[in-house]
Amino acid sequence: MSVKVGYATNRCKDNLNSRSSPFMLRVGWTTVSMPEERSMGDQDMKRTGEFNDCSPESLEDFLLEFAGNDDVLICTHGYKTSFDQALCTAAQLKMDLGFEGKVLCFSWASMNALKGYSADEATAEASVPHMNQVLKVVAQLPGRVHLLAHSMGNRVLLNSLHQLHIESLSPATFGEIIFAAPDVDEDLFKQKIGDAILLAGKPAKPEEQHSIHPESRVSTSMYANTGDKALALSQKMHKGLRAGKDGDIEVDANIDIIMCENECNGTFSVNHGYIFSEKLILEDMAYKIKTGTPASMRANLVPDDESENVYHFEEHQIKKKW
């Protein structure tokens, strides 16, 4: 089974684990193959298609033609991720979320190296203008555009949405926005999340666009895990809390925070890629993207006893080792 995946990347064509020179975007599409019979969360897949690049001048034309009138899901990866890994993850999410529209992988030039964390941080920051380019174009699409970022990729998405809001992009331009395991300073997340929230919430029906006040929508979600060992290390390095580990973020804004506690902390498990492997979480994200239903109305979630806007999966539901 093959899945078509679009891409926007600033990776070098001759060395996919380095930045392009000059540092610029290229767009195109490829295919990812996976078994016909597979289980949700199964990551046994590989890129089998060639890279079909378009000329830099046709970035806008490609993105508009690629999406057409369909909804679009834009996926942004985190630290230590190869181009092929990013493309395969985007294809996996399309299948596991049951997403019927187009999927686009925004792949910034991660070094894909354990010792490349600092370099990846710098490249992620430098990639924000490229994300801005993409989001400004897809904002013109008739369908809904959903945004999902993981780990360090949340820095690219969060900062881009912050800048686009400053530039007066219309409220409710995008559909659902999901921040998964964000490797983002907690205070910085608090400062900028309000801009993302205002840009989320585009309804399925165009006639509803102006009938829903931005402050009444809950179209922004964060999935976090107190047992995330990768973010624990990041927290130690930065000497500050990470949004995707603590989760208990007091913000005066409409955001659903879904805690994904792992009941099986294995010795060799870092508990950081849970959104890609845990069936219950994938099903929850799929339902959210498809229906827009807030966490307070999703049957598989229970509210936290102390913190507003924080929810947990029902006890003993998550048992798989990540």
C-alpha atoms as a PDB file:
ATOM      1  CA  MET A   1       0.000   0.000   0.000  1.00  0.00           C
ATOM      2  CA  SER A   2       1.408   3.400  -0.982  1.00  0.00           C
ATOM      3  CA  VAL A   3       0.648   6.810   0.483  1.00  0.00           C
ATOM      4  CA  LYS A   4       1.363  10.077  -1.313  1.00  0.00           C
ATOM      5  CA  VAL A   5       3.087  12.621   0.935  1.00  0.00           C
ATOM      6  CA  GLY A   6       3.812  16.219   0.066  1.00  0.00           C
ATOM      7  CA  TYR A   7       6.827  17.944   1.540  1.00  0.00           C
ATOM      8  CA  ALA A   8       8.262  21.369   2.208  1.00  0.00           C
ATOM      9  CA  THR A   9      11.871  21.196   3.364  1.00  0.00           C
ATOM     10  CA  ASN A  10      14.998  23.293   3.762  1.00  0.00           C
ATOM     11  CA  ARG A  11      17.306  20.248   3.653  1.00  0.00           C
ATOM     12  CA  CYS A  12      20.186  20.083   1.204  1.00  0.00           C
ATOM     13  CA  LYS A  13      19.380  17.844  -1.775  1.00  0.00           C
ATOM     14  CA  ASP A  14      22.860  16.277  -1.733  1.00  0.00           C
ATOM     15  CA  ASN A  15      23.084  15.857   2.053  1.00  0.00           C
ATOM     16  CA  LEU A  16      19.643  15.474   3.569  1.00  0.00           C
ATOM     17  CA  ASN A  17      20.962  15.886   7.133  1.00  0.00           C
ATOM     18  CA  SER A  18      22.238  19.413   6.514  1.00  0.00           C
ATOM     19  CA  ARG A  19      20.790  22.779   5.556  1.00  0.00           C
ATOM     20  CA  SER A  20      20.350  23.778   1.949  1.00  0.00           C
ATOM     21  CA  SER A  21      22.677  26.463   0.633  1.00  0.00           C
ATOM     22  CA  PRO A  22      21.335  28.997   0.022  1.00  0.00           C
ATOM     23  CA  PHE A  23      19.009  28.312   2.932  1.00  0.00           C
ATOM     24  CA  MET A  24      15.642  28.061   1.227  1.00  0.00           C
ATOM     25  CA  LEU A  25      12.556  25.884   0.855  1.00  0.00           C
ATOM     26  CA  ARG A  26      11.929  23.281  -1.777  1.00  0.00           C
ATOM     27  CA  VAL A  27       8.612  21.531  -2.201  1.00  0.00           C
ATOM     28  CA  GLY A  28       7.409  18.381  -3.888  1.00  0.00           C
ATOM     29  CA  TRP A  29       5.944  14.978  -3.214  1.00  0.00           C
ATOM     30  CA  THR A  30       6.925  11.331  -2.865  1.00  0.00           C
ATOM     31  CA  THR A  31       5.365   8.015  -1.840  1.00  0.00           C
ATOM     32  CA  VAL A  32       5.706   5.897   1.281  1.00  0.00           C
ATOM     33  CA  SER A  33       4.909   2.173   1.257  1.00  0.00           C
ATOM     34  CA  MET A  34       3.533   0.150   4.142  1.00  0.00           C
ATOM     35  CA  PRO A  35       2.053  -3.348   4.574  1.00  0.00           C
ATOM     36  CA  GLU A  36      -1.552  -3.861   3.504  1.00  0.00           C
ATOM     37  CA  GLU A  37      -2.215  -5.542   6.834  1.00  0.00           C
ATOM     38  CA  ARG A  38      -0.917  -3.384   9.666  1.00  0.00           C
ATOM     39  CA  SER A  39      -1.913  -2.395  13.170  1.00  0.00           C
ATOM     40  CA  MET A  40      -2.470   1.153  14.329  1.00  0.00           C
ATOM     41  CA  GLY A  41       0.841   2.549  15.549  1.00  0.00           C
ATOM     42  CA  ASP A  42       2.891   0.137  13.426  1.00  0.00           C
ATOM     43  CA  GLN A  43       5.849   2.064  11.994  1.00  0.00           C
ATOM     44  CA  ASP A  44       7.075  -0.612   9.568  1.00  0.00           C
ATOM     45  CA  MET A  45       7.204   1.499   6.399  1.00  0.00           C
ATOM     46  CA  LYS A  46       9.686   3.129   4.063  1.00  0.00           C
ATOM     47  CA  ARG A  47       9.889   5.729   1.343  1.00  0.00           C
ATOM     48  CA  THR A  48       9.778   4.002  -2.028  1.00  0.00           C
ATOM     49  CA  GLY A  49       9.091   6.910  -4.353  1.00  0.00           C
ATOM     50  CA  GLU A  50      11.514   9.379  -5.889  1.00  0.00           C
ATOM     51  CA  PHE A  51      11.628  12.992  -4.749  1.00  0.00           C
ATOM     52  CA  ASN A  52       9.511  14.982  -7.174  1.00  0.00           C
ATOM     53  CA  ASP A  53      10.775  18.496  -6.545  1.00  0.00           C
ATOM     54  CA  CYS A  54       9.113  21.572  -7.967  1.00  0.00           C
ATOM     55  CA  SER A  55      10.980  24.755  -8.840  1.00  0.00           C
ATOM     56  CA  PRO A  56      11.338  27.258  -5.976  1.00  0.00           C
ATOM     57  CA  GLU A  57       9.328  29.794  -7.950  1.00  0.00           C
ATOM     58  CA  SER A  58       6.327  27.445  -7.980  1.00  0.00           C
ATOM     59  CA  LEU A  59       6.071  26.964  -4.199  1.00  0.00           C
ATOM     60  CA  GLU A  60       2.696  28.667  -3.997  1.00  0.00           C
ATOM     61  CA  ASP A  61       1.340  26.983  -7.126  1.00  0.00           C
ATOM     62  CA  PHE A  62       2.446  23.553  -5.911  1.00  0.00           C
ATOM     63  CA  LEU A  63       0.923  23.897  -2.444  1.00  0.00           C
ATOM     64  CA  LEU A  64      -2.395  25.160  -3.795  1.00  0.00           C
ATOM     65  CA  GLU A  65      -2.545  22.487  -6.501  1.00  0.00           C
ATOM     66  CA  PHE A  66      -1.412  19.692  -4.156  1.00  0.00           C
ATOM     67  CA  ALA A  67      -4.162  20.464  -1.637  1.00  0.00           C
ATOM     68  CA  GLY A  68      -6.936  21.363  -4.054  1.00  0.00           C
ATOM     69  CA  ASN A  69     -10.229  21.574  -2.196  1.00  0.00           C
ATOM     70  CA  ASP A  70      -9.259  18.931   0.358  1.00  0.00           C
ATOM     71  CA  ASP A  71      -8.434  19.369   4.014  1.00  0.00           C
ATOM     72  CA  VAL A  72      -4.706  19.259   4.758  1.00  0.00           C
ATOM     73  CA  LEU A  73      -2.707  17.930   7.706  1.00  0.00           C
ATOM     74  CA  ILE A  74       0.746  19.520   8.115  1.00  0.00           C
ATOM     75  CA  CYS A  75       3.150  17.475  10.265  1.00  0.00           C
ATOM     76  CA  THR A  76       6.342  18.880  11.768  1.00  0.00           C
ATOM     77  CA  HIS A  77       8.929  16.580  13.349  1.00  0.00           C
ATOM     78  CA  GLY A  78      11.371  17.038  16.208  1.00  0.00           C
ATOM     79  CA  TYR A  79      15.063  16.630  16.955  1.00  0.00           C
ATOM     80  CA  LYS A  80      17.199  13.831  15.479  1.00  0.00           C
ATOM     81  CA  THR A  81      14.899  13.016  12.580  1.00  0.00           C
ATOM     82  CA  SER A  82      15.920  12.074   9.044  1.00  0.00           C
ATOM     83  CA  PHE A  83      13.961  13.200   6.000  1.00  0.00           C
ATOM     84  CA  ASP A  84      12.749   9.650   5.338  1.00  0.00           C
ATOM     85  CA  GLN A  85      11.666   9.260   8.971  1.00  0.00           C
ATOM     86  CA  ALA A  86       9.701  12.486   8.772  1.00  0.00           C
ATOM     87  CA  LEU A  87       7.973  11.437   5.543  1.00  0.00           C
ATOM     88  CA  CYS A  88       7.119   7.989   6.930  1.00  0.00           C
ATOM     89  CA  THR A  89       5.688   9.492  10.109  1.00  0.00           C
ATOM     90  CA  ALA A  90       3.494  11.825   8.062  1.00  0.00           C
ATOM     91  CA  ALA A  91       2.231   8.848   6.052  1.00  0.00           C
ATOM     92  CA  GLN A  92       1.618   6.862   9.232  1.00  0.00           C
ATOM     93  CA  LEU A  93      -0.411   9.694  10.742  1.00  0.00           C
ATOM     94  CA  LYS A  94      -2.535   9.973   7.614  1.00  0.00           C
ATOM     95  CA  MET A  95      -3.406   6.284   7.880  1.00  0.00           C
ATOM     96  CA  ASP A  96      -3.720   5.960  11.663  1.00  0.00           C
ATOM     97  CA  LEU A  97      -5.770   9.139  12.041  1.00  0.00           C
ATOM     98  CA  GLY A  98      -8.025   8.072   9.184  1.00  0.00           C
ATOM     99  CA  PHE A  99      -7.343  11.441   7.594  1.00  0.00           C
ATOM    100  CA  GLU A 100      -9.101  11.662   4.246  1.00  0.00           C
ATOM    101  CA  GLY A 101      -7.384  14.832   3.021  1.00  0.00           C
ATOM    102  CA  LYS A 102      -3.808  15.508   1.944  1.00  0.00           C
ATOM    103  CA  VAL A 103      -0.798  15.246   4.250  1.00  0.00           C
ATOM    104  CA  LEU A 104       2.179  17.602   4.002  1.00  0.00           C
ATOM    105  CA  CYS A 105       5.453  17.034   5.842  1.00  0.00           C
ATOM    106  CA  PHE A 106       7.257  20.210   6.899  1.00  0.00           C
ATOM    107  CA  SER A 107      10.777  18.863   7.390  1.00  0.00           C
ATOM    108  CA  TRP A 108      13.352  21.290   8.740  1.00  0.00           C
ATOM    109  CA  ALA A 109      16.995  20.243   8.380  1.00  0.00           C
ATOM    110  CA  SER A 110      17.626  18.154  11.482  1.00  0.00           C
ATOM    111  CA  MET A 111      21.146  16.693  11.635  1.00  0.00           C
ATOM    112  CA  ASN A 112      19.627  13.343  12.622  1.00  0.00           C
ATOM    113  CA  ALA A 113      22.450  12.847  15.142  1.00  0.00           C
ATOM    114  CA  LEU A 114      22.411  12.224  18.890  1.00  0.00           C
ATOM    115  CA  LYS A 115      25.053  14.909  19.384  1.00  0.00           C
ATOM    116  CA  GLY A 116      23.253  17.330  17.089  1.00  0.00           C
ATOM    117  CA  TYR A 117      20.830  18.736  19.657  1.00  0.00           C
ATOM    118  CA  SER A 118      22.332  22.247  19.784  1.00  0.00           C
ATOM    119  CA  ALA A 119      22.643  22.387  16.008  1.00  0.00           C
ATOM    120  CA  ASP A 120      19.042  21.235  15.663  1.00  0.00           C
ATOM    121  CA  GLU A 121      17.926  23.966  18.064  1.00  0.00           C
ATOM    122  CA  ALA A 122      19.589  26.597  15.873  1.00  0.00           C
ATOM    123  CA  THR A 123      18.134  25.145  12.661  1.00  0.00           C
ATOM    124  CA  ALA A 124      14.650  24.902  14.150  1.00  0.00           C
ATOM    125  CA  GLU A 125      14.811  28.578  15.061  1.00  0.00           C
ATOM    126  CA  ALA A 126      16.117  29.515  11.620  1.00  0.00           C
ATOM    127  CA  SER A 127      13.307  27.524   9.968  1.00  0.00           C
ATOM    128  CA  VAL A 128      10.489  29.694  11.342  1.00  0.00           C
ATOM    129  CA  PRO A 129      10.418  32.028   8.292  1.00  0.00           C
ATOM    130  CA  HIS A 130      10.110  28.951   6.059  1.00  0.00           C
ATOM    131  CA  MET A 131       7.156  27.695   8.077  1.00  0.00           C
ATOM    132  CA  ASN A 132       5.674  31.178   7.738  1.00  0.00           C
ATOM    133  CA  GLN A 133       5.954  30.883   3.952  1.00  0.00           C
ATOM    134  CA  VAL A 134       4.060  27.611   3.928  1.00  0.00           C
ATOM    135  CA  LEU A 135       1.341  28.674   6.355  1.00  0.00           C
ATOM    136  CA  LYS A 136       0.679  31.936   4.529  1.00  0.00           C
ATOM    137  CA  VAL A 137       0.030  29.993   1.335  1.00  0.00           C
ATOM    138  CA  VAL A 138      -2.119  27.229   2.838  1.00  0.00           C
ATOM    139  CA  ALA A 139      -4.140  29.879   4.689  1.00  0.00           C
ATOM    140  CA  GLN A 140      -5.693  30.606   1.278  1.00  0.00           C
ATOM    141  CA  LEU A 141      -7.040  27.077   0.868  1.00  0.00           C
ATOM    142  CA  PRO A 142     -10.801  26.480   0.900  1.00  0.00           C
ATOM    143  CA  GLY A 143     -10.476  23.360   3.073  1.00  0.00           C
ATOM    144  CA  ARG A 144      -9.357  23.180   6.671  1.00  0.00           C
ATOM    145  CA  VAL A 145      -5.653  23.022   7.436  1.00  0.00           C
ATOM    146  CA  HIS A 146      -4.742  21.134  10.612  1.00  0.00           C
ATOM    147  CA  LEU A 147      -1.304  21.517  12.214  1.00  0.00           C
ATOM    148  CA  LEU A 148       0.527  18.889  14.266  1.00  0.00           C
ATOM    149  CA  ALA A 149       4.032  19.260  15.671  1.00  0.00           C
ATOM    150  CA  HIS A 150       6.141  16.920  17.800  1.00  0.00           C
ATOM    151  CA  SER A 151       8.986  17.645  20.231  1.00  0.00           C
ATOM    152  CA  MET A 152      11.380  20.381  19.019  1.00  0.00           C
ATOM    153  CA  GLY A 153       9.170  20.905  15.982  1.00  0.00           C
ATOM    154  CA  ASN A 154       6.764  22.680  18.311  1.00  0.00           C
ATOM    155  CA  ARG A 155       9.248  25.555  18.525  1.00  0.00           C
ATOM    156  CA  VAL A 156       9.011  26.045  14.775  1.00  0.00           C
ATOM    157  CA  LEU A 157       5.210  25.923  14.774  1.00  0.00           C
ATOM    158  CA  LEU A 158       4.643  27.978  17.941  1.00  0.00           C
ATOM    159  CA  ASN A 159       6.990  30.778  16.863  1.00  0.00           C
ATOM    160  CA  SER A 160       5.549  30.822  13.367  1.00  0.00           C
ATOM    161  CA  LEU A 161       1.987  31.157  14.634  1.00  0.00           C
ATOM    162  CA  HIS A 162       3.130  33.897  17.001  1.00  0.00           C
ATOM    163  CA  GLN A 163       4.638  35.858  14.111  1.00  0.00           C
ATOM    164  CA  LEU A 164       1.646  35.285  11.830  1.00  0.00           C
ATOM    165  CA  HIS A 165      -0.699  36.568  14.515  1.00  0.00           C
ATOM    166  CA  ILE A 166       1.434  39.704  14.881  1.00  0.00           C
ATOM    167  CA  GLU A 167       1.173  40.114  11.104  1.00  0.00           C
ATOM    168  CA  SER A 168      -2.625  40.084  11.531  1.00  0.00           C
ATOM    169  CA  LEU A 169      -3.504  36.750   9.960  1.00  0.00           C
ATOM    170  CA  SER A 170      -7.261  36.312  10.382  1.00  0.00           C
ATOM    171  CA  PRO A 171      -8.575  34.459  13.460  1.00  0.00           C
ATOM    172  CA  ALA A 172      -9.700  30.868  12.899  1.00  0.00           C
ATOM    173  CA  THR A 173      -7.520  30.530   9.798  1.00  0.00           C
ATOM    174  CA  PHE A 174      -6.527  26.949  10.676  1.00  0.00           C
ATOM    175  CA  GLY A 175      -8.503  23.949  11.912  1.00  0.00           C
ATOM    176  CA  GLU A 176      -7.142  21.897  14.812  1.00  0.00           C
ATOM    177  CA  ILE A 177      -3.677  22.657  16.169  1.00  0.00           C
ATOM    178  CA  ILE A 178      -1.935  19.913  18.144  1.00  0.00           C
ATOM    179  CA  PHE A 179       1.259  20.384  20.152  1.00  0.00           C
ATOM    180  CA  ALA A 180       2.598  16.904  20.953  1.00  0.00           C
ATOM    181  CA  ALA A 181       5.324  16.418  23.590  1.00  0.00           C
ATOM    182  CA  PRO A 182       6.557  19.986  23.064  1.00  0.00           C
ATOM    183  CA  ASP A 183      10.240  20.493  23.824  1.00  0.00           C
ATOM    184  CA  VAL A 184       9.512  24.135  24.555  1.00  0.00           C
ATOM    185  CA  ASP A 185      10.328  26.251  27.587  1.00  0.00           C
ATOM    186  CA  GLU A 186       7.191  26.330  29.716  1.00  0.00           C
ATOM    187  CA  ASP A 187       7.207  30.099  30.233  1.00  0.00           C
ATOM    188  CA  LEU A 188       7.731  30.713  26.527  1.00  0.00           C
ATOM    189  CA  PHE A 189       4.849  28.353  25.756  1.00  0.00           C
ATOM    190  CA  LYS A 190       2.599  30.328  28.106  1.00  0.00           C
ATOM    191  CA  GLN A 191       3.599  33.598  26.459  1.00  0.00           C
ATOM    192  CA  LYS A 192       2.898  32.516  22.888  1.00  0.00           C
ATOM    193  CA  ILE A 193       0.144  29.902  23.041  1.00  0.00           C
ATOM    194  CA  GLY A 194      -2.580  32.561  22.982  1.00  0.00           C
ATOM    195  CA  ASP A 195      -1.611  33.541  19.437  1.00  0.00           C
ATOM    196  CA  ALA A 196      -1.909  29.942  18.255  1.00  0.00           C
ATOM    197  CA  ILE A 197      -5.309  29.590  19.917  1.00  0.00           C
ATOM    198  CA  LEU A 198      -6.689  32.623  18.114  1.00  0.00           C
ATOM    199  CA  LEU A 199      -5.571  31.221  14.749  1.00  0.00           C
ATOM    200  CA  ALA A 200      -7.201  27.810  15.364  1.00  0.00           C
ATOM    201  CA  GLY A 201     -10.825  26.780  15.010  1.00  0.00           C
ATOM    202  CA  LYS A 202     -11.778  27.082  11.354  1.00  0.00           C
ATOM    203  CA  PRO A 203     -15.119  25.252  11.140  1.00  0.00           C
ATOM    204  CA  ALA A 204     -15.935  22.480   8.711  1.00  0.00           C
ATOM    205  CA  LYS A 205     -18.673  24.579   7.124  1.00  0.00           C
ATOM    206  CA  PRO A 206     -17.663  27.987   5.667  1.00  0.00           C
ATOM    207  CA  GLU A 207     -20.967  29.562   6.742  1.00  0.00           C
ATOM    208  CA  GLU A 208     -19.979  28.985  10.381  1.00  0.00           C
ATOM    209  CA  GLN A 209     -16.719  30.932  10.018  1.00  0.00           C
ATOM    210  CA  HIS A 210     -18.033  34.126  11.614  1.00  0.00           C
ATOM    211  CA  SER A 211     -20.603  32.594  13.965  1.00  0.00           C
ATOM    212  CA  ILE A 212     -18.128  31.194  16.501  1.00  0.00           C
ATOM    213  CA  HIS A 213     -16.261  33.671  18.674  1.00  0.00           C
ATOM    214  CA  PRO A 214     -12.534  32.820  18.975  1.00  0.00           C
ATOM    215  CA  GLU A 215     -12.701  32.797  22.765  1.00  0.00           C
ATOM    216  CA  SER A 216     -15.435  30.123  22.776  1.00  0.00           C
ATOM    217  CA  ARG A 217     -13.485  27.606  20.679  1.00  0.00           C
ATOM    218  CA  VAL A 218     -11.250  24.867  22.026  1.00  0.00           C
ATOM    219  CA  SER A 219      -9.358  23.888  18.887  1.00  0.00           C
ATOM    220  CA  THR A 220      -5.858  23.793  20.349  1.00  0.00           C
ATOM    221  CA  SER A 221      -4.560  20.712  22.183  1.00  0.00           C
ATOM    222  CA  MET A 222      -1.355  19.686  23.899  1.00  0.00           C
ATOM    223  CA  TYR A 223      -0.400  16.079  24.638  1.00  0.00           C
ATOM    224  CA  ALA A 224       2.078  15.771  27.514  1.00  0.00           C
ATOM    225  CA  ASN A 225       3.639  13.081  29.691  1.00  0.00           C
ATOM    226  CA  THR A 226       5.246  13.557  33.108  1.00  0.00           C
ATOM    227  CA  GLY A 227       7.239  10.369  32.441  1.00  0.00           C
ATOM    228  CA  ASP A 228       8.849  11.741  29.259  1.00  0.00           C
ATOM    229  CA  LYS A 229      12.547  10.981  29.805  1.00  0.00           C
ATOM    230  CA  ALA A 230      13.694  12.864  26.707  1.00  0.00           C
ATOM    231  CA  LEU A 231      12.087  16.035  28.009  1.00  0.00           C
ATOM    232  CA  ALA A 232      13.466  15.350  31.481  1.00  0.00           C
ATOM    233  CA  LEU A 233      16.943  15.484  29.935  1.00  0.00           C
ATOM    234  CA  SER A 234      16.056  18.636  28.001  1.00  0.00           C
ATOM    235  CA  GLN A 235      14.740  20.144  31.228  1.00  0.00           C
ATOM    236  CA  LYS A 236      18.055  19.413  32.939  1.00  0.00           C
ATOM    237  CA  MET A 237      20.055  20.874  30.046  1.00  0.00           C
ATOM    238  CA  HIS A 238      18.008  24.076  29.903  1.00  0.00           C
ATOM    239  CA  LYS A 239      17.534  24.363  33.689  1.00  0.00           C
ATOM    240  CA  GLY A 240      13.859  25.079  33.154  1.00  0.00           C
ATOM    241  CA  LEU A 241      10.542  23.260  32.830  1.00  0.00           C
ATOM    242  CA  ARG A 242       9.466  21.915  29.433  1.00  0.00           C
ATOM    243  CA  ALA A 243       5.828  22.347  28.436  1.00  0.00           C
ATOM    244  CA  GLY A 244       5.415  18.763  27.251  1.00  0.00           C
ATOM    245  CA  LYS A 245       6.619  17.192  30.484  1.00  0.00           C
ATOM    246  CA  ASP A 246       4.974  19.199  33.228  1.00  0.00           C
ATOM    247  CA  GLY A 247       1.689  19.655  31.398  1.00  0.00           C
ATOM    248  CA  ASP A 248       0.103  21.478  34.325  1.00  0.00           C
ATOM    249  CA  ILE A 249       0.325  24.873  32.670  1.00  0.00           C
ATOM    250  CA  GLU A 250      -1.873  27.612  34.012  1.00  0.00           C
ATOM    251  CA  VAL A 251      -2.846  29.697  31.013  1.00  0.00           C
ATOM    252  CA  ASP A 252      -5.760  32.054  30.635  1.00  0.00           C
ATOM    253  CA  ALA A 253      -6.674  30.582  27.283  1.00  0.00           C
ATOM    254  CA  ASN A 254      -8.728  27.844  25.638  1.00  0.00           C
ATOM    255  CA  ILE A 255      -6.435  24.856  25.315  1.00  0.00           C
ATOM    256  CA  ASP A 256      -7.042  21.206  26.182  1.00  0.00           C
ATOM    257  CA  ILE A 257      -4.051  19.584  27.887  1.00  0.00           C
ATOM    258  CA  ILE A 258      -4.130  15.797  27.608  1.00  0.00           C
ATOM    259  CA  MET A 259      -1.841  13.958  30.016  1.00  0.00           C
ATOM    260  CA  CYS A 260      -0.525  10.673  28.634  1.00  0.00           C
ATOM    261  CA  GLU A 261       1.002   9.043  31.693  1.00  0.00           C
ATOM    262  CA  ASN A 262       2.788   5.806  30.919  1.00  0.00           C
ATOM    263  CA  GLU A 263       2.034   3.012  33.363  1.00  0.00           C
ATOM    264  CA  CYS A 264       4.933   0.879  32.084  1.00  0.00           C
ATOM    265  CA  ASN A 265       8.123   2.896  32.346  1.00  0.00           C
ATOM    266  CA  GLY A 266      10.540   0.440  30.784  1.00  0.00           C
ATOM    267  CA  THR A 267      14.281   0.748  31.370  1.00  0.00           C
ATOM    268  CA  PHE A 268      15.019   1.511  27.726  1.00  0.00           C
ATOM    269  CA  SER A 269      11.866   3.504  27.005  1.00  0.00           C
ATOM    270  CA  VAL A 270      12.109   7.295  26.752  1.00  0.00           C
ATOM    271  CA  ASN A 271       8.318   7.804  26.588  1.00  0.00           C
ATOM    272  CA  HIS A 272       8.651  10.567  24.002  1.00  0.00           C
ATOM    273  CA  GLY A 273       7.100   9.113  20.832  1.00  0.00           C
ATOM    274  CA  TYR A 274       3.865   7.980  22.440  1.00  0.00           C
ATOM    275  CA  ILE A 275       1.610   9.883  20.057  1.00  0.00           C
ATOM    276  CA  PHE A 276       2.843   7.707  17.192  1.00  0.00           C
ATOM    277  CA  SER A 277       2.612   4.292  18.866  1.00  0.00           C
ATOM    278  CA  GLU A 278      -0.234   4.358  21.388  1.00  0.00           C
ATOM    279  CA  LYS A 279      -3.552   3.342  19.835  1.00  0.00           C
ATOM    280  CA  LEU A 280      -5.681   5.145  22.410  1.00  0.00           C
ATOM    281  CA  ILE A 281      -3.903   8.451  21.818  1.00  0.00           C
ATOM    282  CA  LEU A 282      -4.031   8.101  18.033  1.00  0.00           C
ATOM    283  CA  GLU A 283      -7.761   7.426  18.230  1.00  0.00           C
ATOM    284  CA  ASP A 284      -8.243  10.458  20.454  1.00  0.00           C
ATOM    285  CA  MET A 285      -6.354  12.736  18.048  1.00  0.00           C
ATOM    286  CA  ALA A 286      -8.264  11.302  15.097  1.00  0.00           C
ATOM    287  CA  TYR A 287     -11.605  12.019  16.762  1.00  0.00           C
ATOM    288  CA  LYS A 288     -10.513  15.525  17.691  1.00  0.00           C
ATOM    289  CA  ILE A 289      -9.376  16.376  14.166  1.00  0.00           C
ATOM    290  CA  LYS A 290     -12.459  14.857  12.553  1.00  0.00           C
ATOM    291  CA  THR A 291     -15.115  16.273  14.890  1.00  0.00           C
ATOM    292  CA  GLY A 292     -13.516  19.155  16.779  1.00  0.00           C
ATOM    293  CA  THR A 293     -15.033  17.806  19.998  1.00  0.00           C
ATOM    294  CA  PRO A 294     -13.341  19.377  23.060  1.00  0.00           C
ATOM    295  CA  ALA A 295     -11.770  17.175  25.725  1.00  0.00           C
ATOM    296  CA  SER A 296     -14.585  17.948  28.154  1.00  0.00           C
ATOM    297  CA  MET A 297     -16.968  16.056  25.849  1.00  0.00           C
ATOM    298  CA  ARG A 298     -14.756  13.093  24.886  1.00  0.00           C
ATOM    299  CA  ALA A 299     -15.840   9.928  26.702  1.00  0.00           C
ATOM    300  CA  ASN A 300     -12.349   8.443  27.051  1.00  0.00           C
ATOM    301  CA  LEU A 301     -11.035  11.422  29.025  1.00  0.00           C
ATOM    302  CA  VAL A 302     -11.575  12.485  32.620  1.00  0.00           C
ATOM    303  CA  PRO A 303     -10.866  15.962  34.015  1.00  0.00           C
ATOM    304  CA  ASP A 304      -8.021  16.534  36.422  1.00  0.00           C
ATOM    305  CA  ASP A 305      -9.093  16.965  40.046  1.00  0.00           C
ATOM    306  CA  GLU A 306      -7.154  20.181  40.516  1.00  0.00           C
ATOM    307  CA  SER A 307      -6.168  21.812  37.238  1.00  0.00           C
ATOM    308  CA  GLU A 308      -8.593  23.374  34.783  1.00  0.00           C
ATOM    309  CA  ASN A 309      -8.299  22.310  31.132  1.00  0.00           C
ATOM    310  CA  VAL A 310      -6.167  19.279  32.069  1.00  0.00           C
ATOM    311  CA  TYR A 311      -7.471  15.796  31.248  1.00  0.00           C
ATOM    312  CA  HIS A 312      -6.309  12.220  31.670  1.00  0.00           C
ATOM    313  CA  PHE A 313      -7.139   9.016  29.865  1.00  0.00           C
ATOM    314  CA  GLU A 314      -9.243   6.766  32.038  1.00  0.00           C
ATOM    315  CA  GLU A 315      -7.118   4.816  34.505  1.00  0.00           C
ATOM    316  CA  HIS A 316      -5.397   1.671  33.224  1.00  0.00           C
ATOM    317  CA  GLN A 317      -6.270   2.361  29.587  1.00  0.00           C
ATOM    318  CA  ILE A 318      -2.709   3.131  28.489  1.00  0.00           C
ATOM    319  CA  LYS A 319      -0.570   0.056  29.062  1.00  0.00           C
ATOM    320  CA  LYS A 320       1.657  -0.241  26.019  1.00  0.00           C
ATOM    321  CA  LYS A 321       5.386   0.336  26.465  1.00  0.00           C
ATOM    322  CA  TRP A 322       6.635   3.248  24.397  1.00  0.00           C
END
